[in-house]
Amino acid sequence: MSQDKPLPFIYTFGAGAVAGISEILTMYPLDVVKTRVQLQTGKGTGIDSYNGMLDCFQKIVRYEGFSRLYRGITAPILMEAPKRATKFAANDEWGKFYRTAFGVEKMNQSLSILTGASAGATESFVVVPFELVKIRLQDKASAGKYTGMIDVVTKTIKAEGVLAMYNGLESTLWRHILWNAGYFGCIFQVKELLPKAETKKGEIMNGLISGSVGGTVGTILNTPMDVVKSRIQNSPKVVGQIPKYNWAWGACATVMKEEGFGALYKGFLPKVLRLGPGGGILLVVFTGMMDFFRSMKNV
């Protein structure tokens, strides 16, 4: 990340929160489409079967209304502030820790990957309950069971217990470790390869390019874990029964056996279209907010 003088934790947290909300408001419909495609387990027909991203988008708008593309956004909005704030704040804090631990003055490629992976693991513990609520509201088959976010929480805890809110923690850990390692590692490398920006416009462009490349690589690495995470979190726990999708790697094996390797990349197109450019938006807004805070504090 930036080599500028570090700001106190609260400023990093605040900048990450603003960046996260900006990204989710811009890109959320692609997340709904991605989830619908990922949860589809076979080839069917009719309005509940999707042949891809555009088909899913069109059917949602045509048969359910445009507003359905924002179904479940309350949970992500509430999640995005702590999630993205934790991502960037944890990345900065882990970066300081590893630089001290390894006696390195500046970040390098290896430390950027390690730092990103550690930040992703930290972020996972914040997002799991919000992700579970979002997935169950986005899925058309289960959305009718709930009137909103609070209803999902209430019914899930009543039927499955408090710990059910952390269903999918293991797969979420893998998802965020892989994405953050790819994201922050690529940002460092791409920025090193790009010509040094001489203007503010150049800085923004470099941020968009490096963040978009990082978001794309992170998405390629973590999509299989995102697919199984969606299925794990959308599978209510029933006493005495072992869920079909339980642990991350076992769920990956099940998906490959039943649907083929390609099924692990279901929803990849809307996901990469969101998190590629979304990664650029995140980085540019975060950097802009940090520059704003520095100007306020004259540092």
Foldseek 3Di string as FASTA:
>chain_A
DDPPDDDDLVLLLQLQLVLQLVLCVVQQLLVLLLLLQLQDQDADDDLSGAPASVRVQVSCCPPPNPCLSCFLVVLSNVLRSRLRSLQRSQLVVQLVVVCVVVVHDDDDLVSQLVSQLRSLLVSLVSCQLSVLLSLQCSHPVRVVVAPHSVRVQVVLCVQANNCLSNFLSQLSSQLRSLLRSQQRSQLRVQLVVDDDDPDPVSVLVSLQQSQLRSQLRSLVRRQLSVSLSSVRSNDRDDPPDDDPRHHRVSNQVVSCVSPNNCSSCGSVVSSSVSRNSSRSSSRSSSVVSVVVVCVVVVD
